[in-house]
Amino acid sequence: MQARVKWVEGLTFLGESSSGHQVLMDGNSGDKAPSPMEMVLMAAGGCSAIDVVSILQKGRNAVADCEVKLTSKRREEAPRIFTHINLHFIVSGNDLSDKAVARAVDLSAEKYCSVAIMLGKGVEMTHSYEVVAK
């Protein structure tokens, strides 16, 4: 997987995924677009929601709606990493049991959601750079 991020103006950047999708990010407290940390939080919710819906559908459950409300806490000092994230799922459908939804949420959290699992265990970061003369 690859991606690129290109500076647009001010603290606004355009990210492009290897699949060709683009997303705007803003470092000015989300003035023009979500901040990178907001994107990370939404990615955790999106990844988990995809898992939950997929697991429920594979179990032949009739899912009508799924929403994840995310709340988080971050450190006050730099680096302002997340210290706590809560994912609250609101799932609706015909004859959905608490047991089926609980199982789907547990499987996502423990086995399938790459984003949430990565955030929960920490990430080793490496850095490199290239200087290009203009």
Protein backbone atom coordinates (compact mmCIF):
# COMPACT_ATOMS: atom_id res chain seq x y z
CA MET A 1 0.00 0.00 0.00
CA GLN A 2 1.24 3.45 -0.85
CA ALA A 3 -0.05 6.99 -0.56
CA ARG A 4 1.13 10.53 -1.05
CA VAL A 5 0.38 13.82 0.66
CA LYS A 6 0.87 17.11 -1.17
CA TRP A 7 0.88 20.58 0.32
CA VAL A 8 -1.91 22.80 -1.06
CA GLU A 9 -1.59 26.06 0.94
CA GLY A 10 -1.24 27.24 4.52
CA LEU A 11 -1.56 24.03 6.54
CA THR A 12 -3.91 22.36 4.03
CA PHE A 13 -2.74 19.12 2.40
CA LEU A 14 -4.23 16.75 -0.17
CA GLY A 15 -3.79 13.06 0.48
CA GLU A 16 -4.10 10.54 -2.34
CA SER A 17 -4.32 6.80 -1.83
CA SER A 18 -2.80 4.23 -4.15
CA SER A 19 -6.36 3.44 -5.29
CA GLY A 20 -6.70 7.02 -6.54
CA HIS A 21 -9.00 8.44 -3.85
CA GLN A 22 -8.28 11.90 -2.51
CA VAL A 23 -8.94 13.53 0.84
CA LEU A 24 -8.21 17.03 2.09
CA MET A 25 -6.59 17.49 5.52
CA ASP A 26 -6.08 20.68 7.49
CA GLY A 27 -3.65 21.39 10.32
CA ASN A 28 -5.47 24.59 11.34
CA SER A 29 -7.80 22.86 13.83
CA GLY A 30 -9.90 21.50 10.99
CA ASP A 31 -10.67 24.92 9.51
CA LYS A 32 -11.01 23.69 5.88
CA ALA A 33 -11.01 19.92 6.32
CA PRO A 34 -10.55 17.29 9.04
CA SER A 35 -7.22 17.31 10.87
CA PRO A 36 -4.97 14.25 10.54
CA MET A 37 -5.92 13.15 14.08
CA GLU A 38 -9.62 13.47 13.26
CA MET A 39 -8.93 11.28 10.22
CA VAL A 40 -7.26 8.66 12.44
CA LEU A 41 -10.27 8.67 14.77
CA MET A 42 -12.72 8.36 11.84
CA ALA A 43 -10.57 5.59 10.34
CA ALA A 44 -10.90 3.57 13.56
CA GLY A 45 -14.67 4.04 13.47
CA GLY A 46 -14.93 3.23 9.78
CA CYS A 47 -12.78 0.12 10.02
CA SER A 48 -14.73 -1.18 13.01
CA ALA A 49 -18.13 -0.38 11.48
CA ILE A 50 -17.20 -2.21 8.26
CA ASP A 51 -16.23 -5.26 10.33
CA VAL A 52 -19.40 -5.21 12.43
CA VAL A 53 -21.75 -4.89 9.45
CA SER A 54 -19.83 -7.53 7.47
CA ILE A 55 -19.81 -10.01 10.37
CA LEU A 56 -23.52 -9.50 11.01
CA GLN A 57 -24.38 -9.88 7.32
CA LYS A 58 -22.28 -13.05 7.02
CA GLY A 59 -24.28 -14.40 9.96
CA ARG A 60 -27.44 -13.72 7.93
CA ASN A 61 -28.58 -10.92 10.22
CA ALA A 62 -30.74 -8.23 8.60
CA VAL A 63 -28.78 -5.06 9.41
CA ALA A 64 -30.68 -1.87 8.63
CA ASP A 65 -28.30 0.71 10.11
CA CYS A 66 -24.96 0.98 11.88
CA GLU A 67 -23.48 4.08 13.45
CA VAL A 68 -20.35 4.42 15.57
CA LYS A 69 -20.04 7.37 17.93
CA LEU A 70 -16.42 7.91 18.87
CA THR A 71 -15.19 9.82 21.89
CA SER A 72 -11.53 10.35 22.65
CA LYS A 73 -9.05 11.92 25.02
CA ARG A 74 -5.63 13.19 24.03
CA ARG A 75 -2.53 14.26 25.91
CA GLU A 76 -2.33 17.97 26.64
CA GLU A 77 1.36 18.20 25.72
CA ALA A 78 3.10 17.26 22.48
CA PRO A 79 2.94 14.72 21.06
CA ARG A 80 -0.86 15.01 21.50
CA ILE A 81 -1.54 11.30 21.09
CA PHE A 82 -4.82 9.64 21.97
CA THR A 83 -4.90 8.30 25.51
CA HIS A 84 -8.42 6.84 25.31
CA ILE A 85 -10.88 6.09 22.51
CA ASN A 86 -14.36 4.73 23.02
CA LEU A 87 -16.32 3.31 20.10
CA HIS A 88 -20.05 3.20 20.80
CA PHE A 89 -21.94 1.19 18.18
CA ILE A 90 -25.61 1.83 17.43
CA VAL A 91 -26.83 -1.01 15.24
CA SER A 92 -30.40 -1.65 14.10
CA GLY A 93 -32.11 -4.33 12.05
CA ASN A 94 -34.82 -6.96 11.99
CA ASP A 95 -34.51 -9.55 14.76
CA LEU A 96 -30.96 -8.54 15.71
CA SER A 97 -29.94 -10.11 18.99
CA ASP A 98 -27.71 -8.50 21.61
CA LYS A 99 -25.55 -11.62 21.43
CA ALA A 100 -24.94 -11.29 17.67
CA VAL A 101 -24.05 -7.60 17.90
CA ALA A 102 -21.81 -8.16 20.94
CA ARG A 103 -20.00 -10.96 19.09
CA ALA A 104 -19.48 -8.77 16.00
CA VAL A 105 -18.15 -5.88 18.08
CA ASP A 106 -15.82 -8.22 20.02
CA LEU A 107 -14.49 -9.85 16.84
CA SER A 108 -13.82 -6.45 15.30
CA ALA A 109 -12.01 -5.19 18.40
CA GLU A 110 -9.97 -8.34 19.02
CA LYS A 111 -9.31 -9.81 15.58
CA TYR A 112 -10.29 -7.82 12.49
CA CYS A 113 -10.07 -4.02 12.80
CA SER A 114 -6.50 -3.30 11.76
CA VAL A 115 -6.76 0.40 12.61
CA ALA A 116 -8.09 -0.01 16.15
CA ILE A 117 -5.76 -2.91 16.92
CA MET A 118 -2.77 -0.90 15.64
CA LEU A 119 -3.76 2.11 17.74
CA GLY A 120 -4.20 -0.10 20.78
CA LYS A 121 -0.75 -1.65 20.55
CA GLY A 122 1.34 1.34 19.44
CA VAL A 123 3.29 1.81 16.25
CA GLU A 124 7.02 1.87 15.54
CA MET A 125 7.65 4.91 13.35
CA THR A 126 10.57 5.43 11.00
CA HIS A 127 11.49 8.58 9.11
CA SER A 128 13.37 9.45 5.94
CA TYR A 129 13.65 12.52 3.76
CA GLU A 130 14.72 13.77 0.37
CA VAL A 131 15.73 17.31 -0.56
CA VAL A 132 14.79 18.45 -4.06
CA ALA A 133 16.20 21.69 -5.43
CA LYS A 134 13.70 23.95 -7.19
